PDB file of N, CA and C in Angstrom:
ATOM      1  N   UNK A   1     -55.920 -42.861 -10.861  1.00  0.00           N
ATOM      2  CA  UNK A   1     -54.516 -43.141 -10.709  1.00  0.00           C
ATOM      3  C   UNK A   1     -54.195 -44.603 -11.017  1.00  0.00           C
ATOM      4  N   UNK A   2     -54.911 -45.155 -11.959  1.00  0.00           N
ATOM      5  CA  UNK A   2     -54.691 -46.545 -12.355  1.00  0.00           C
ATOM      6  C   UNK A   2     -53.289 -46.744 -12.928  1.00  0.00           C
ATOM      7  N   UNK A   3     -52.701 -45.675 -13.438  1.00  0.00           N
ATOM      8  CA  UNK A   3     -51.359 -45.778 -14.023  1.00  0.00           C
ATOM      9  C   UNK A   3     -50.327 -46.252 -13.009  1.00  0.00           C
ATOM     10  N   UNK A   4     -50.558 -45.973 -11.735  1.00  0.00           N
ATOM     11  CA  UNK A   4     -49.584 -46.363 -10.702  1.00  0.00           C
ATOM     12  C   UNK A   4     -49.375 -47.875 -10.662  1.00  0.00           C
ATOM     13  N   UNK A   5     -50.441 -48.632 -10.872  1.00  0.00           N
ATOM     14  CA  UNK A   5     -50.346 -50.078 -10.862  1.00  0.00           C
ATOM     15  C   UNK A   5     -49.731 -50.654 -12.128  1.00  0.00           C
ATOM     16  N   UNK A   6     -49.581 -49.831 -13.157  1.00  0.00           N
ATOM     17  CA  UNK A   6     -49.022 -50.271 -14.433  1.00  0.00           C
ATOM     18  C   UNK A   6     -47.521 -50.015 -14.549  1.00  0.00           C
ATOM     19  N   UNK A   7     -46.939 -49.342 -13.583  1.00  0.00           N
ATOM     20  CA  UNK A   7     -45.522 -48.986 -13.680  1.00  0.00           C
ATOM     21  C   UNK A   7     -44.621 -50.208 -13.876  1.00  0.00           C
ATOM     22  N   UNK A   8     -44.897 -51.275 -13.158  1.00  0.00           N
ATOM     23  CA  UNK A   8     -44.022 -52.451 -13.266  1.00  0.00           C
ATOM     24  C   UNK A   8     -44.126 -53.118 -14.634  1.00  0.00           C
ATOM     25  N   UNK A   9     -45.192 -52.868 -15.360  1.00  0.00           N
ATOM     26  CA  UNK A   9     -45.320 -53.412 -16.712  1.00  0.00           C
ATOM     27  C   UNK A   9     -44.521 -52.598 -17.723  1.00  0.00           C
ATOM     28  N   UNK A  10     -44.282 -51.323 -17.409  1.00  0.00           N
ATOM     29  CA  UNK A  10     -43.645 -50.417 -18.357  1.00  0.00           C
ATOM     30  C   UNK A  10     -42.207 -50.042 -17.996  1.00  0.00           C
ATOM     31  N   UNK A  11     -41.812 -50.240 -16.748  1.00  0.00           N
ATOM     32  CA  UNK A  11     -40.477 -49.877 -16.284  1.00  0.00           C
ATOM     33  C   UNK A  11     -39.755 -51.108 -15.757  1.00  0.00           C
ATOM     34  N   UNK A  12     -38.450 -51.099 -15.877  1.00  0.00           N
ATOM     35  CA  UNK A  12     -37.615 -52.143 -15.284  1.00  0.00           C
ATOM     36  C   UNK A  12     -37.080 -51.697 -13.927  1.00  0.00           C
ATOM     37  N   UNK A  13     -36.934 -50.371 -13.753  1.00  0.00           N
ATOM     38  CA  UNK A  13     -36.379 -49.830 -12.510  1.00  0.00           C
ATOM     39  C   UNK A  13     -36.746 -48.363 -12.414  1.00  0.00           C
ATOM     40  N   UNK A  14     -36.974 -47.907 -11.193  1.00  0.00           N
ATOM     41  CA  UNK A  14     -37.238 -46.495 -10.922  1.00  0.00           C
ATOM     42  C   UNK A  14     -36.238 -46.029  -9.884  1.00  0.00           C
ATOM     43  N   UNK A  15     -35.534 -44.925 -10.195  1.00  0.00           N
ATOM     44  CA  UNK A  15     -34.557 -44.356  -9.261  1.00  0.00           C
ATOM     45  C   UNK A  15     -34.945 -42.923  -8.932  1.00  0.00           C
ATOM     46  N   UNK A  16     -34.885 -42.597  -7.657  1.00  0.00           N
ATOM     47  CA  UNK A  16     -35.148 -41.237  -7.199  1.00  0.00           C
ATOM     48  C   UNK A  16     -33.889 -40.749  -6.505  1.00  0.00           C
ATOM     49  N   UNK A  17     -33.325 -39.667  -7.008  1.00  0.00           N
ATOM     50  CA  UNK A  17     -32.125 -39.080  -6.426  1.00  0.00           C
ATOM     51  C   UNK A  17     -32.509 -37.785  -5.722  1.00  0.00           C
ATOM     52  N   UNK A  18     -31.999 -37.585  -4.507  1.00  0.00           N
ATOM     53  CA  UNK A  18     -32.325 -36.377  -3.770  1.00  0.00           C
ATOM     54  C   UNK A  18     -31.303 -36.103  -2.682  1.00  0.00           C
ATOM     55  N   UNK A  19     -31.355 -34.891  -2.177  1.00  0.00           N
ATOM     56  CA  UNK A  19     -30.526 -34.469  -1.044  1.00  0.00           C
ATOM     57  C   UNK A  19     -31.368 -34.616   0.223  1.00  0.00           C
ATOM     58  N   UNK A  20     -30.743 -35.056   1.313  1.00  0.00           N
ATOM     59  CA  UNK A  20     -31.457 -35.269   2.565  1.00  0.00           C
ATOM     60  C   UNK A  20     -31.915 -33.970   3.218  1.00  0.00           C
ATOM     61  N   UNK A  21     -31.264 -32.850   2.896  1.00  0.00           N
ATOM     62  CA  UNK A  21     -31.537 -31.629   3.654  1.00  0.00           C
ATOM     63  C   UNK A  21     -31.790 -30.376   2.819  1.00  0.00           C
ATOM     64  N   UNK A  22     -31.493 -30.377   1.543  1.00  0.00           N
ATOM     65  CA  UNK A  22     -31.605 -29.135   0.775  1.00  0.00           C
ATOM     66  C   UNK A  22     -33.061 -28.763   0.494  1.00  0.00           C
ATOM     67  N   UNK A  23     -33.351 -27.467   0.456  1.00  0.00           N
ATOM     68  CA  UNK A  23     -34.710 -27.010   0.136  1.00  0.00           C
ATOM     69  C   UNK A  23     -35.171 -27.449  -1.255  1.00  0.00           C
ATOM     70  N   UNK A  24     -34.252 -27.602  -2.195  1.00  0.00           N
ATOM     71  CA  UNK A  24     -34.634 -27.989  -3.554  1.00  0.00           C
ATOM     72  C   UNK A  24     -35.188 -29.414  -3.606  1.00  0.00           C
ATOM     73  N   UNK A  25     -34.869 -30.234  -2.604  1.00  0.00           N
ATOM     74  CA  UNK A  25     -35.355 -31.615  -2.569  1.00  0.00           C
ATOM     75  C   UNK A  25     -36.552 -31.804  -1.640  1.00  0.00           C
ATOM     76  N   UNK A  26     -37.061 -30.729  -1.054  1.00  0.00           N
ATOM     77  CA  UNK A  26     -38.132 -30.883  -0.051  1.00  0.00           C
ATOM     78  C   UNK A  26     -39.400 -31.504  -0.642  1.00  0.00           C
ATOM     79  N   UNK A  27     -39.817 -31.084  -1.825  1.00  0.00           N
ATOM     80  CA  UNK A  27     -41.005 -31.683  -2.449  1.00  0.00           C
ATOM     81  C   UNK A  27     -40.773 -33.144  -2.780  1.00  0.00           C
ATOM     82  N   UNK A  28     -39.570 -33.469  -3.190  1.00  0.00           N
ATOM     83  CA  UNK A  28     -39.234 -34.858  -3.513  1.00  0.00           C
ATOM     84  C   UNK A  28     -39.273 -35.718  -2.256  1.00  0.00           C
ATOM     85  N   UNK A  29     -38.739 -35.209  -1.148  1.00  0.00           N
ATOM     86  CA  UNK A  29     -38.794 -35.948   0.115  1.00  0.00           C
ATOM     87  C   UNK A  29     -40.240 -36.187   0.535  1.00  0.00           C
ATOM     88  N   UNK A  30     -41.077 -35.166   0.421  1.00  0.00           N
ATOM     89  CA  UNK A  30     -42.492 -35.294   0.780  1.00  0.00           C
ATOM     90  C   UNK A  30     -43.196 -36.278  -0.141  1.00  0.00           C
ATOM     91  N   UNK A  31     -42.874 -36.225  -1.446  1.00  0.00           N
ATOM     92  CA  UNK A  31     -43.470 -37.161  -2.403  1.00  0.00           C
ATOM     93  C   UNK A  31     -43.150 -38.605  -2.005  1.00  0.00           C
ATOM     94  N   UNK A  32     -41.905 -38.859  -1.639  1.00  0.00           N
ATOM     95  CA  UNK A  32     -41.502 -40.210  -1.241  1.00  0.00           C
ATOM     96  C   UNK A  32     -42.242 -40.641   0.023  1.00  0.00           C
ATOM     97  N   UNK A  33     -42.300 -39.757   1.006  1.00  0.00           N
ATOM     98  CA  UNK A  33     -42.974 -40.081   2.266  1.00  0.00           C
ATOM     99  C   UNK A  33     -44.440 -40.448   2.043  1.00  0.00           C
ATOM    100  N   UNK A  34     -45.102 -39.744   1.137  1.00  0.00           N
ATOM    101  CA  UNK A  34     -46.529 -39.952   0.919  1.00  0.00           C
ATOM    102  C   UNK A  34     -46.850 -41.047  -0.097  1.00  0.00           C
ATOM    103  N   UNK A  35     -45.932 -41.350  -1.013  1.00  0.00           N
ATOM    104  CA  UNK A  35     -46.265 -42.230  -2.130  1.00  0.00           C
ATOM    105  C   UNK A  35     -45.488 -43.534  -2.222  1.00  0.00           C
ATOM    106  N   UNK A  36     -44.357 -43.648  -1.550  1.00  0.00           N
ATOM    107  CA  UNK A  36     -43.529 -44.849  -1.703  1.00  0.00           C
ATOM    108  C   UNK A  36     -44.301 -46.121  -1.362  1.00  0.00           C
ATOM    109  N   UNK A  37     -44.960 -46.137  -0.230  1.00  0.00           N
ATOM    110  CA  UNK A  37     -45.654 -47.345   0.221  1.00  0.00           C
ATOM    111  C   UNK A  37     -46.701 -47.787  -0.803  1.00  0.00           C
ATOM    112  N   UNK A  38     -47.481 -46.839  -1.302  1.00  0.00           N
ATOM    113  CA  UNK A  38     -48.516 -47.152  -2.292  1.00  0.00           C
ATOM    114  C   UNK A  38     -47.895 -47.671  -3.586  1.00  0.00           C
ATOM    115  N   UNK A  39     -46.850 -47.005  -4.067  1.00  0.00           N
ATOM    116  CA  UNK A  39     -46.190 -47.439  -5.299  1.00  0.00           C
ATOM    117  C   UNK A  39     -45.609 -48.843  -5.144  1.00  0.00           C
ATOM    118  N   UNK A  40     -45.002 -49.119  -4.012  1.00  0.00           N
ATOM    119  CA  UNK A  40     -44.382 -50.433  -3.793  1.00  0.00           C
ATOM    120  C   UNK A  40     -45.445 -51.517  -3.624  1.00  0.00           C
ATOM    121  N   UNK A  41     -46.557 -51.192  -2.977  1.00  0.00           N
ATOM    122  CA  UNK A  41     -47.652 -52.153  -2.814  1.00  0.00           C
ATOM    123  C   UNK A  41     -48.241 -52.533  -4.165  1.00  0.00           C
ATOM    124  N   UNK A  42     -48.402 -51.540  -5.043  1.00  0.00           N
ATOM    125  CA  UNK A  42     -48.985 -51.781  -6.362  1.00  0.00           C
ATOM    126  C   UNK A  42     -47.994 -52.422  -7.334  1.00  0.00           C
ATOM    127  N   UNK A  43     -46.705 -52.259  -7.079  1.00  0.00           N
ATOM    128  CA  UNK A  43     -45.652 -52.783  -7.959  1.00  0.00           C
ATOM    129  C   UNK A  43     -44.594 -53.499  -7.126  1.00  0.00           C
ATOM    130  N   UNK A  44     -44.950 -54.631  -6.492  1.00  0.00           N
ATOM    131  CA  UNK A  44     -44.023 -55.260  -5.543  1.00  0.00           C
ATOM    132  C   UNK A  44     -42.710 -55.746  -6.148  1.00  0.00           C
ATOM    133  N   UNK A  45     -42.673 -56.052  -7.431  1.00  0.00           N
ATOM    134  CA  UNK A  45     -41.436 -56.561  -8.042  1.00  0.00           C
ATOM    135  C   UNK A  45     -40.614 -55.487  -8.732  1.00  0.00           C
ATOM    136  N   UNK A  46     -41.142 -54.261  -8.796  1.00  0.00           N
ATOM    137  CA  UNK A  46     -40.418 -53.164  -9.429  1.00  0.00           C
ATOM    138  C   UNK A  46     -39.380 -52.613  -8.454  1.00  0.00           C
ATOM    139  N   UNK A  47     -38.093 -52.619  -8.836  1.00  0.00           N
ATOM    140  CA  UNK A  47     -37.089 -51.991  -7.969  1.00  0.00           C
ATOM    141  C   UNK A  47     -37.304 -50.466  -7.938  1.00  0.00           C
ATOM    142  N   UNK A  48     -37.559 -49.950  -6.747  1.00  0.00           N
ATOM    143  CA  UNK A  48     -37.686 -48.503  -6.552  1.00  0.00           C
ATOM    144  C   UNK A  48     -36.520 -48.103  -5.657  1.00  0.00           C
ATOM    145  N   UNK A  49     -35.513 -47.478  -6.269  1.00  0.00           N
ATOM    146  CA  UNK A  49     -34.287 -47.137  -5.562  1.00  0.00           C
ATOM    147  C   UNK A  49     -34.300 -45.669  -5.169  1.00  0.00           C
ATOM    148  N   UNK A  50     -34.055 -45.408  -3.917  1.00  0.00           N
ATOM    149  CA  UNK A  50     -33.985 -44.037  -3.422  1.00  0.00           C
ATOM    150  C   UNK A  50     -32.530 -43.777  -3.050  1.00  0.00           C
ATOM    151  N   UNK A  51     -31.926 -42.831  -3.741  1.00  0.00           N
ATOM    152  CA  UNK A  51     -30.509 -42.530  -3.543  1.00  0.00           C
ATOM    153  C   UNK A  51     -30.368 -41.116  -2.995  1.00  0.00           C
ATOM    154  N   UNK A  52     -29.824 -41.031  -1.794  1.00  0.00           N
ATOM    155  CA  UNK A  52     -29.618 -39.747  -1.151  1.00  0.00           C
ATOM    156  C   UNK A  52     -28.139 -39.380  -1.211  1.00  0.00           C
ATOM    157  N   UNK A  53     -27.884 -38.136  -1.563  1.00  0.00           N
ATOM    158  CA  UNK A  53     -26.516 -37.647  -1.645  1.00  0.00           C
ATOM    159  C   UNK A  53     -26.542 -36.163  -1.301  1.00  0.00           C
ATOM    160  N   UNK A  54     -25.664 -35.746  -0.437  1.00  0.00           N
ATOM    161  CA  UNK A  54     -25.630 -34.354  -0.010  1.00  0.00           C
ATOM    162  C   UNK A  54     -25.368 -33.423  -1.190  1.00  0.00           C
ATOM    163  N   UNK A  55     -26.237 -32.441  -1.383  1.00  0.00           N
ATOM    164  CA  UNK A  55     -26.052 -31.418  -2.402  1.00  0.00           C
ATOM    165  C   UNK A  55     -26.496 -31.795  -3.806  1.00  0.00           C
ATOM    166  N   UNK A  56     -27.051 -32.973  -4.011  1.00  0.00           N
ATOM    167  CA  UNK A  56     -27.455 -33.383  -5.353  1.00  0.00           C
ATOM    168  C   UNK A  56     -28.799 -32.744  -5.736  1.00  0.00           C
ATOM    169  N   UNK A  57     -28.957 -32.505  -7.006  1.00  0.00           N
ATOM    170  CA  UNK A  57     -30.218 -31.985  -7.529  1.00  0.00           C
ATOM    171  C   UNK A  57     -31.233 -33.129  -7.592  1.00  0.00           C
ATOM    172  N   UNK A  58     -32.487 -32.919  -7.154  1.00  0.00           N
ATOM    173  CA  UNK A  58     -33.465 -34.009  -7.180  1.00  0.00           C
ATOM    174  C   UNK A  58     -33.806 -34.423  -8.620  1.00  0.00           C
ATOM    175  N   UNK A  59     -33.815 -35.730  -8.842  1.00  0.00           N
ATOM    176  CA  UNK A  59     -34.069 -36.277 -10.171  1.00  0.00           C
ATOM    177  C   UNK A  59     -34.863 -37.568 -10.060  1.00  0.00           C
ATOM    178  N   UNK A  60     -35.566 -37.881 -11.137  1.00  0.00           N
ATOM    179  CA  UNK A  60     -36.324 -39.117 -11.251  1.00  0.00           C
ATOM    180  C   UNK A  60     -35.843 -39.822 -12.515  1.00  0.00           C
ATOM    181  N   UNK A  61     -35.411 -41.071 -12.387  1.00  0.00           N
ATOM    182  CA  UNK A  61     -34.891 -41.826 -13.526  1.00  0.00           C
ATOM    183  C   UNK A  61     -35.680 -43.106 -13.692  1.00  0.00           C
ATOM    184  N   UNK A  62     -36.042 -43.404 -14.921  1.00  0.00           N
ATOM    185  CA  UNK A  62     -36.728 -44.651 -15.246  1.00  0.00           C
ATOM    186  C   UNK A  62     -35.857 -45.440 -16.218  1.00  0.00           C
ATOM    187  N   UNK A  63     -35.710 -46.734 -15.939  1.00  0.00           N
ATOM    188  CA  UNK A  63     -34.994 -47.620 -16.859  1.00  0.00           C
ATOM    189  C   UNK A  63     -36.011 -48.543 -17.494  1.00  0.00           C
ATOM    190  N   UNK A  64     -35.914 -48.673 -18.811  1.00  0.00           N
ATOM    191  CA  UNK A  64     -36.844 -49.475 -19.592  1.00  0.00           C
ATOM    192  C   UNK A  64     -36.116 -50.690 -20.168  1.00  0.00           C
ATOM    193  N   UNK A  65     -36.804 -51.418 -21.035  1.00  0.00           N
ATOM    194  CA  UNK A  65     -36.179 -52.557 -21.730  1.00  0.00           C
ATOM    195  C   UNK A  65     -34.955 -52.100 -22.511  1.00  0.00           C
ATOM    196  N   UNK A  66     -34.023 -53.012 -22.683  1.00  0.00           N
ATOM    197  CA  UNK A  66     -32.816 -52.797 -23.487  1.00  0.00           C
ATOM    198  C   UNK A  66     -31.927 -51.686 -22.944  1.00  0.00           C
ATOM    199  N   UNK A  67     -32.031 -51.382 -21.647  1.00  0.00           N
ATOM    200  CA  UNK A  67     -31.160 -50.400 -21.023  1.00  0.00           C
ATOM    201  C   UNK A  67     -31.469 -48.948 -21.334  1.00  0.00           C
ATOM    202  N   UNK A  68     -32.598 -48.689 -21.978  1.00  0.00           N
ATOM    203  CA  UNK A  68     -32.997 -47.311 -22.282  1.00  0.00           C
ATOM    204  C   UNK A  68     -33.384 -46.621 -20.977  1.00  0.00           C
ATOM    205  N   UNK A  69     -32.900 -45.402 -20.780  1.00  0.00           N
ATOM    206  CA  UNK A  69     -33.213 -44.643 -19.572  1.00  0.00           C
ATOM    207  C   UNK A  69     -33.709 -43.246 -19.925  1.00  0.00           C
ATOM    208  N   UNK A  70     -34.605 -42.741 -19.089  1.00  0.00           N
ATOM    209  CA  UNK A  70     -35.086 -41.365 -19.224  1.00  0.00           C
ATOM    210  C   UNK A  70     -35.058 -40.739 -17.830  1.00  0.00           C
ATOM    211  N   UNK A  71     -34.644 -39.473 -17.770  1.00  0.00           N
ATOM    212  CA  UNK A  71     -34.574 -38.774 -16.498  1.00  0.00           C
ATOM    213  C   UNK A  71     -35.335 -37.468 -16.531  1.00  0.00           C
ATOM    214  N   UNK A  72     -35.789 -37.048 -15.350  1.00  0.00           N
ATOM    215  CA  UNK A  72     -36.518 -35.791 -15.203  1.00  0.00           C
ATOM    216  C   UNK A  72     -35.929 -35.051 -14.008  1.00  0.00           C
ATOM    217  N   UNK A  73     -35.636 -33.774 -14.189  1.00  0.00           N
ATOM    218  CA  UNK A  73     -35.171 -32.940 -13.078  1.00  0.00           C
ATOM    219  C   UNK A  73     -36.384 -32.518 -12.258  1.00  0.00           C
ATOM    220  N   UNK A  74     -36.297 -32.641 -10.948  1.00  0.00           N
ATOM    221  CA  UNK A  74     -37.443 -32.376 -10.081  1.00  0.00           C
ATOM    222  C   UNK A  74     -37.343 -31.064  -9.313  1.00  0.00           C
ATOM    223  N   UNK A  75     -36.235 -30.360  -9.456  1.00  0.00           N
ATOM    224  CA  UNK A  75     -36.053 -29.116  -8.701  1.00  0.00           C
ATOM    225  C   UNK A  75     -37.149 -28.120  -9.066  1.00  0.00           C
ATOM    226  N   UNK A  76     -37.815 -27.576  -8.054  1.00  0.00           N
ATOM    227  CA  UNK A  76     -38.861 -26.585  -8.269  1.00  0.00           C
ATOM    228  C   UNK A  76     -40.228 -27.172  -8.568  1.00  0.00           C
ATOM    229  N   UNK A  77     -40.344 -28.492  -8.630  1.00  0.00           N
ATOM    230  CA  UNK A  77     -41.639 -29.109  -8.910  1.00  0.00           C
ATOM    231  C   UNK A  77     -42.385 -29.403  -7.612  1.00  0.00           C
ATOM    232  N   UNK A  78     -43.700 -29.320  -7.666  1.00  0.00           N
ATOM    233  CA  UNK A  78     -44.537 -29.669  -6.520  1.00  0.00           C
ATOM    234  C   UNK A  78     -44.737 -31.183  -6.493  1.00  0.00           C
ATOM    235  N   UNK A  79     -45.356 -31.673  -5.428  1.00  0.00           N
ATOM    236  CA  UNK A  79     -45.642 -33.112  -5.342  1.00  0.00           C
ATOM    237  C   UNK A  79     -46.515 -33.565  -6.506  1.00  0.00           C
ATOM    238  N   UNK A  80     -47.524 -32.769  -6.844  1.00  0.00           N
ATOM    239  CA  UNK A  80     -48.422 -33.118  -7.952  1.00  0.00           C
ATOM    240  C   UNK A  80     -47.661 -33.158  -9.277  1.00  0.00           C
ATOM    241  N   UNK A  81     -46.734 -32.233  -9.464  1.00  0.00           N
ATOM    242  CA  UNK A  81     -45.941 -32.212 -10.693  1.00  0.00           C
ATOM    243  C   UNK A  81     -44.981 -33.402 -10.746  1.00  0.00           C
ATOM    244  N   UNK A  82     -44.453 -33.823  -9.597  1.00  0.00           N
ATOM    245  CA  UNK A  82     -43.590 -34.999  -9.550  1.00  0.00           C
ATOM    246  C   UNK A  82     -44.399 -36.238  -9.913  1.00  0.00           C
ATOM    247  N   UNK A  83     -45.610 -36.328  -9.389  1.00  0.00           N
ATOM    248  CA  UNK A  83     -46.482 -37.448  -9.721  1.00  0.00           C
ATOM    249  C   UNK A  83     -46.782 -37.479 -11.210  1.00  0.00           C
ATOM    250  N   UNK A  84     -47.034 -36.316 -11.791  1.00  0.00           N
ATOM    251  CA  UNK A  84     -47.308 -36.218 -13.228  1.00  0.00           C
ATOM    252  C   UNK A  84     -46.066 -36.630 -14.035  1.00  0.00           C
ATOM    253  N   UNK A  85     -44.886 -36.233 -13.583  1.00  0.00           N
ATOM    254  CA  UNK A  85     -43.648 -36.613 -14.267  1.00  0.00           C
ATOM    255  C   UNK A  85     -43.469 -38.130 -14.235  1.00  0.00           C
ATOM    256  N   UNK A  86     -43.794 -38.760 -13.107  1.00  0.00           N
ATOM    257  CA  UNK A  86     -43.703 -40.208 -13.003  1.00  0.00           C
ATOM    258  C   UNK A  86     -44.713 -40.879 -13.934  1.00  0.00           C
ATOM    259  N   UNK A  87     -45.909 -40.325 -14.000  1.00  0.00           N
ATOM    260  CA  UNK A  87     -46.919 -40.858 -14.915  1.00  0.00           C
ATOM    261  C   UNK A  87     -46.430 -40.785 -16.361  1.00  0.00           C
ATOM    262  N   UNK A  88     -45.816 -39.659 -16.727  1.00  0.00           N
ATOM    263  CA  UNK A  88     -45.296 -39.498 -18.097  1.00  0.00           C
ATOM    264  C   UNK A  88     -44.183 -40.501 -18.392  1.00  0.00           C
ATOM    265  N   UNK A  89     -43.319 -40.766 -17.410  1.00  0.00           N
ATOM    266  CA  UNK A  89     -42.257 -41.758 -17.606  1.00  0.00           C
ATOM    267  C   UNK A  89     -42.856 -43.152 -17.840  1.00  0.00           C
ATOM    268  N   UNK A  90     -43.962 -43.432 -17.139  1.00  0.00           N
ATOM    269  CA  UNK A  90     -44.662 -44.697 -17.352  1.00  0.00           C
ATOM    270  C   UNK A  90     -45.234 -44.790 -18.760  1.00  0.00           C
ATOM    271  N   UNK A  91     -45.764 -43.676 -19.262  1.00  0.00           N
ATOM    272  CA  UNK A  91     -46.311 -43.653 -20.625  1.00  0.00           C
ATOM    273  C   UNK A  91     -45.205 -43.857 -21.668  1.00  0.00           C
ATOM    274  N   UNK A  92     -44.028 -43.309 -21.392  1.00  0.00           N
ATOM    275  CA  UNK A  92     -42.895 -43.513 -22.306  1.00  0.00           C
ATOM    276  C   UNK A  92     -42.582 -45.008 -22.389  1.00  0.00           C
ATOM    277  N   UNK A  93     -42.585 -45.678 -21.254  1.00  0.00           N
ATOM    278  CA  UNK A  93     -42.312 -47.108 -21.232  1.00  0.00           C
ATOM    279  C   UNK A  93     -43.346 -47.896 -22.025  1.00  0.00           C
ATOM    280  N   UNK A  94     -44.613 -47.500 -21.925  1.00  0.00           N
ATOM    281  CA  UNK A  94     -45.665 -48.181 -22.683  1.00  0.00           C
ATOM    282  C   UNK A  94     -45.473 -47.954 -24.177  1.00  0.00           C
ATOM    283  N   UNK A  95     -45.065 -46.749 -24.567  1.00  0.00           N
ATOM    284  CA  UNK A  95     -44.871 -46.454 -26.004  1.00  0.00           C
ATOM    285  C   UNK A  95     -43.657 -47.168 -26.565  1.00  0.00           C
ATOM    286  N   UNK A  96     -42.652 -47.429 -25.723  1.00  0.00           N
ATOM    287  CA  UNK A  96     -41.460 -48.140 -26.190  1.00  0.00           C
ATOM    288  C   UNK A  96     -41.743 -49.608 -26.473  1.00  0.00           C
ATOM    289  N   UNK A  97     -42.787 -50.139 -25.836  1.00  0.00           N
ATOM    290  CA  UNK A  97     -43.153 -51.535 -26.052  1.00  0.00           C
ATOM    291  C   UNK A  97     -43.856 -51.733 -27.387  1.00  0.00           C
ATOM    292  N   UNK A  98     -44.309 -50.618 -27.974  1.00  0.00           N
ATOM    293  CA  UNK A  98     -44.887 -50.663 -29.305  1.00  0.00           C
ATOM    294  C   UNK A  98     -46.303 -51.018 -29.266  1.00  0.00           C
TER     295      UNK A  98
END
């Protein structure tokens, strides 16, 4: 999981959108509970924004250089799949750097 420490090199900002109570956001809530501390420790200067809104579909958004953004819908994904989606967003950031 060395990629986790590279996120701040490839991303400018990470946003996680979720509902506080809906079943569709349950995996996302669990992912945050288990992984936020580790991600923030490994990337202390990377803004990791968690936005809760009643009834919203869970999503993961990455902002890269020059305002480029990519988003992933998280509804129906497991914690492992959410982690994989975050890893892929990090790889996109590395490829954008050329």
